[in-house]
Structures are given as structure tokens and as C-alpha cells.
């Protein structure tokens, strides 16, 4: 019986050692000697500041983003991430893009990656019009002194529009290399 307790304690300890914070996982991006882990958990509630509805305007278009935290699992690896839903309207109120009607969190085309290594921004991956090559990393940043203000900045994986597949008047859903400011609602 004593040995059974020791074995159970060992496995519980080993399991707990495999759970690390999101901040520690972000540090692993630049550290090839990072310890193996199976769960990057939001231990410090760092994602909480991003959760909610955010609105802003840029170049006559209104942006509304809804962010939610989920547990994402893939190939035995678990991570707490943000998922986003985005709605873009023109100055007349016409919807240009929306993922508000997508019920499956993993299919919103706006999914969290983790914090960048310096922990100043949270990184998400966005896919808009894939035929036009519209996909890339979106950086969300909230400064401590302005917790109800968030900036959004997208770097495209490529800025090549595929000939014949994309309309000549194509405009990215989230403009590339441009900061958009959003306010918590």
C-alpha cells in the first residue's frame, strides 16, 4: 500500500511538472532547451484582459471583435488560447466580413497562438480571403496604463495577390502593417 501511494504521488508530480504557464511557453519560442510540457495553461489569468467585445474604426470601416478563452487540444498538447470573431462594416453599415455566425470556436479563422517572447503582445492567426493570400499573424496589445484600449496589428504571411483568383479591388479585412485601435465595450 505504501508503494502504491508513492507511485501515485510520483505520477501526480510528473503530470504537474508538465503544466507550464503561457508566459513560460512563450519563452520556449527562443529556447531550444525548453523542458517538455503537455499543457500551456493560463495560470496567471493573463488572457483575461483580452476577453470581451472590442470596437474601433479605421479608414471609414468599423471593426468589432469578440474574444473568448478556450482550451485547445492537438496531438496530446493542450493550450489555453483566445479565439476571435470579427465583424467588419463599411461606413454605410453594410457587413463586409463576419465570423459572428460561426459556432465552432476552432473554425473562426482567428485563433490564438500565444504571447510573443517579450510578453508585450498576444499573437493570433487570422485567415480572411485565402484566395487573395490574406492570412498572417495579428498582434494584440494592451498597455497596463490603458486597460480598456487595445491595438491590433497584422503582418501578412505573404503580400502576394494571386492573379485571377482575387478581385482587382481587393482590400484586406485587417489592413497589413497598420495599427487599429479598439476600445473595450
Protein backbone atom coordinates (compact mmCIF):
# COMPACT_ATOMS: atom_id res chain seq x y z
CA UNK A 1 0.00 0.00 0.00
CA UNK A 2 2.87 2.34 0.86
CA UNK A 3 4.43 1.72 -2.57
CA UNK A 4 1.13 2.42 -4.30
CA UNK A 5 0.90 5.81 -2.60
CA UNK A 6 4.48 6.63 -3.63
CA UNK A 7 3.78 5.63 -7.25
CA UNK A 8 0.56 7.68 -7.39
CA UNK A 9 2.35 10.69 -5.87
CA UNK A 10 5.14 10.33 -8.45
CA UNK A 11 2.68 10.31 -11.37
CA UNK A 12 0.76 13.29 -9.98
CA UNK A 13 4.03 15.21 -9.57
CA UNK A 14 5.18 14.24 -13.06
CA UNK A 15 1.86 15.40 -14.52
CA UNK A 16 2.03 18.74 -12.68
CA UNK A 17 5.60 19.26 -13.87
CA UNK A 18 4.32 19.04 -17.45
CA UNK A 19 1.99 22.02 -16.98
CA UNK A 20 3.61 25.41 -17.51
CA UNK A 21 2.32 28.96 -17.73
CA UNK A 22 1.60 30.66 -21.05
CA UNK A 23 4.42 33.07 -20.24
CA UNK A 24 6.89 30.19 -19.81
CA UNK A 25 5.67 28.62 -23.05
CA UNK A 26 6.27 31.95 -24.84
CA UNK A 27 9.85 31.91 -23.58
CA UNK A 28 10.25 28.48 -25.21
CA UNK A 29 9.90 30.11 -28.64
CA UNK A 30 13.55 31.23 -28.47
CA UNK A 31 14.88 28.48 -26.21
CA UNK A 32 15.67 25.11 -27.84
CA UNK A 33 16.47 23.68 -24.38
CA UNK A 34 12.97 24.26 -23.05
CA UNK A 35 11.56 21.44 -20.96
CA UNK A 36 8.85 19.25 -22.47
CA UNK A 37 5.34 20.13 -21.42
CA UNK A 38 1.88 18.97 -22.39
CA UNK A 39 -0.19 21.90 -21.13
CA UNK A 40 0.48 25.63 -21.53
CA UNK A 41 -2.04 26.92 -19.01
CA UNK A 42 -3.22 30.45 -18.33
CA UNK A 43 -2.07 30.11 -14.72
CA UNK A 44 -1.69 33.88 -14.23
CA UNK A 45 -5.01 34.77 -15.93
CA UNK A 46 -3.06 36.82 -18.49
CA UNK A 47 -5.68 36.22 -21.18
CA UNK A 48 -8.47 37.68 -19.05
CA UNK A 49 -7.57 41.26 -20.02
CA UNK A 50 -8.34 40.45 -23.69
CA UNK A 51 -11.67 38.65 -23.21
CA UNK A 52 -14.75 40.57 -24.28
CA UNK A 53 -16.04 42.79 -27.06
CA UNK A 54 -13.79 45.42 -28.66
CA UNK A 55 -14.79 48.07 -31.19
CA UNK A 56 -12.92 50.58 -33.30
CA UNK A 57 -12.88 52.46 -36.60
CA UNK A 58 -10.26 52.69 -39.31
CA UNK A 59 -10.48 54.31 -42.75
CA UNK A 60 -14.27 54.59 -42.59
CA UNK A 61 -14.77 50.98 -41.58
CA UNK A 62 -15.98 49.76 -38.19
CA UNK A 63 -14.36 46.76 -36.55
CA UNK A 64 -15.96 44.65 -33.83
CA UNK A 65 -14.01 41.81 -32.29
CA UNK A 66 -15.26 39.30 -29.73
CA UNK A 67 -12.52 37.40 -27.89
CA UNK A 68 -13.06 34.30 -25.78
CA UNK A 69 -10.70 31.90 -24.00
CA UNK A 70 -10.83 28.16 -24.72
CA UNK A 71 -8.78 25.07 -24.02
CA UNK A 72 -7.32 23.92 -27.33
CA UNK A 73 -6.04 20.36 -27.70
CA UNK A 74 -3.98 18.97 -30.57
CA UNK A 75 -1.89 15.77 -30.64
CA UNK A 76 -1.86 15.48 -26.86
CA UNK A 77 -0.75 19.10 -26.39
CA UNK A 78 -3.16 21.39 -24.52
CA UNK A 79 -3.04 25.17 -24.54
CA UNK A 80 -5.30 27.89 -23.22
CA UNK A 81 -5.83 30.28 -26.13
CA UNK A 82 -8.00 33.11 -27.32
CA UNK A 83 -10.38 32.67 -30.22
CA UNK A 84 -11.79 35.65 -32.02
CA UNK A 85 -14.81 36.51 -34.02
CA UNK A 86 -14.59 39.54 -36.27
CA UNK A 87 -17.15 41.72 -37.96
CA UNK A 88 -16.24 44.48 -40.41
CA UNK A 89 -18.75 47.04 -41.72
CA UNK A 90 -18.40 49.86 -44.20
CA UNK A 91 -19.42 53.47 -43.46
CA UNK A 92 -23.00 52.69 -44.59
CA UNK A 93 -23.34 49.81 -42.11
CA UNK A 94 -23.03 47.08 -44.74
CA UNK A 95 -21.30 43.95 -43.48
CA UNK A 96 -18.10 43.33 -45.43
CA UNK A 97 -16.92 40.38 -43.34
CA UNK A 98 -18.28 38.48 -40.36
CA UNK A 99 -17.45 35.35 -38.41
CA UNK A 100 -20.02 36.09 -35.69
CA UNK A 101 -22.24 33.28 -37.02
CA UNK A 102 -19.51 30.61 -36.71
CA UNK A 103 -20.50 28.37 -33.80
CA UNK A 104 -17.37 26.18 -33.66
CA UNK A 105 -14.58 28.05 -31.82
CA UNK A 106 -11.91 26.22 -33.79
CA UNK A 107 -13.32 27.39 -37.14
CA UNK A 108 -13.48 31.17 -36.65
CA UNK A 109 -10.29 31.71 -38.71
CA UNK A 110 -9.00 33.91 -35.89
CA UNK A 111 -7.21 31.69 -33.39
CA UNK A 112 -4.67 32.34 -30.65
CA UNK A 113 -1.05 31.28 -30.81
CA UNK A 114 0.41 32.61 -27.54
CA UNK A 115 2.23 35.65 -26.26
CA UNK A 116 5.27 36.83 -28.15
CA UNK A 117 8.53 36.07 -26.35
CA UNK A 118 8.84 39.56 -24.76
CA UNK A 119 5.24 39.18 -23.44
CA UNK A 120 4.21 42.63 -24.75
CA UNK A 121 1.57 41.32 -27.19
CA UNK A 122 -0.64 38.30 -27.71
CA UNK A 123 -0.33 36.67 -31.15
CA UNK A 124 -3.26 35.29 -33.12
CA UNK A 125 -3.51 33.80 -36.59
CA UNK A 126 -6.11 35.25 -38.97
CA UNK A 127 -7.31 33.87 -42.31
CA UNK A 128 -9.57 36.15 -44.34
CA UNK A 129 -9.83 35.69 -48.09
CA UNK A 130 -7.33 32.87 -48.60
CA UNK A 131 -7.65 33.09 -52.41
CA UNK A 132 -6.14 36.56 -52.12
CA UNK A 133 -3.37 35.36 -49.81
CA UNK A 134 -4.97 37.06 -46.80
CA UNK A 135 -3.53 35.28 -43.79
CA UNK A 136 -0.98 36.10 -41.16
CA UNK A 137 -0.18 36.95 -37.57
CA UNK A 138 -2.20 39.53 -35.68
CA UNK A 139 -0.64 41.18 -32.64
CA UNK A 140 -2.98 42.32 -29.85
CA UNK A 141 -1.51 44.70 -27.31
CA UNK A 142 -2.97 46.20 -24.15
CA UNK A 143 -0.85 48.58 -22.10
CA UNK A 144 -1.21 48.46 -18.32
CA UNK A 145 -1.94 52.18 -18.13
CA UNK A 146 -4.86 51.88 -20.62
CA UNK A 147 -6.56 48.52 -19.89
CA UNK A 148 -9.67 49.36 -21.95
CA UNK A 149 -7.69 50.20 -25.09
CA UNK A 150 -6.20 47.56 -27.37
CA UNK A 151 -4.14 47.90 -30.51
CA UNK A 152 -4.32 45.39 -33.34
CA UNK A 153 -1.56 45.00 -35.93
CA UNK A 154 -1.34 42.37 -38.70
CA UNK A 155 1.69 41.05 -40.54
CA UNK A 156 0.72 39.01 -43.58
CA UNK A 157 2.50 35.74 -44.26
CA UNK A 158 2.75 36.92 -47.82
CA UNK A 159 1.63 40.04 -49.60
CA UNK A 160 1.19 38.41 -52.97
CA UNK A 161 -2.22 38.54 -54.52
CA UNK A 162 -2.83 35.51 -56.72
CA UNK A 163 -3.56 36.58 -60.28
CA UNK A 164 -7.03 35.66 -61.49
CA UNK A 165 -8.23 34.44 -58.10
CA UNK A 166 -8.55 37.77 -56.36
CA UNK A 167 -10.63 40.78 -57.44
CA UNK A 168 -8.67 43.83 -58.59
CA UNK A 169 -10.32 45.96 -55.90
CA UNK A 170 -9.31 43.58 -53.07
CA UNK A 171 -8.73 45.20 -49.71
CA UNK A 172 -7.59 43.08 -46.73
CA UNK A 173 -10.08 42.61 -43.91
CA UNK A 174 -7.39 43.66 -41.43
CA UNK A 175 -5.02 46.10 -43.14
CA UNK A 176 -1.41 44.93 -43.17
CA UNK A 177 1.24 46.80 -41.19
CA UNK A 178 -1.32 49.25 -39.86
CA UNK A 179 -2.32 49.76 -36.24
CA UNK A 180 -6.03 49.78 -35.45
CA UNK A 181 -7.13 50.96 -32.01
CA UNK A 182 -10.06 49.27 -30.31
CA UNK A 183 -12.00 50.10 -27.14
CA UNK A 184 -13.47 47.58 -24.71
CA UNK A 185 -17.27 47.66 -24.71
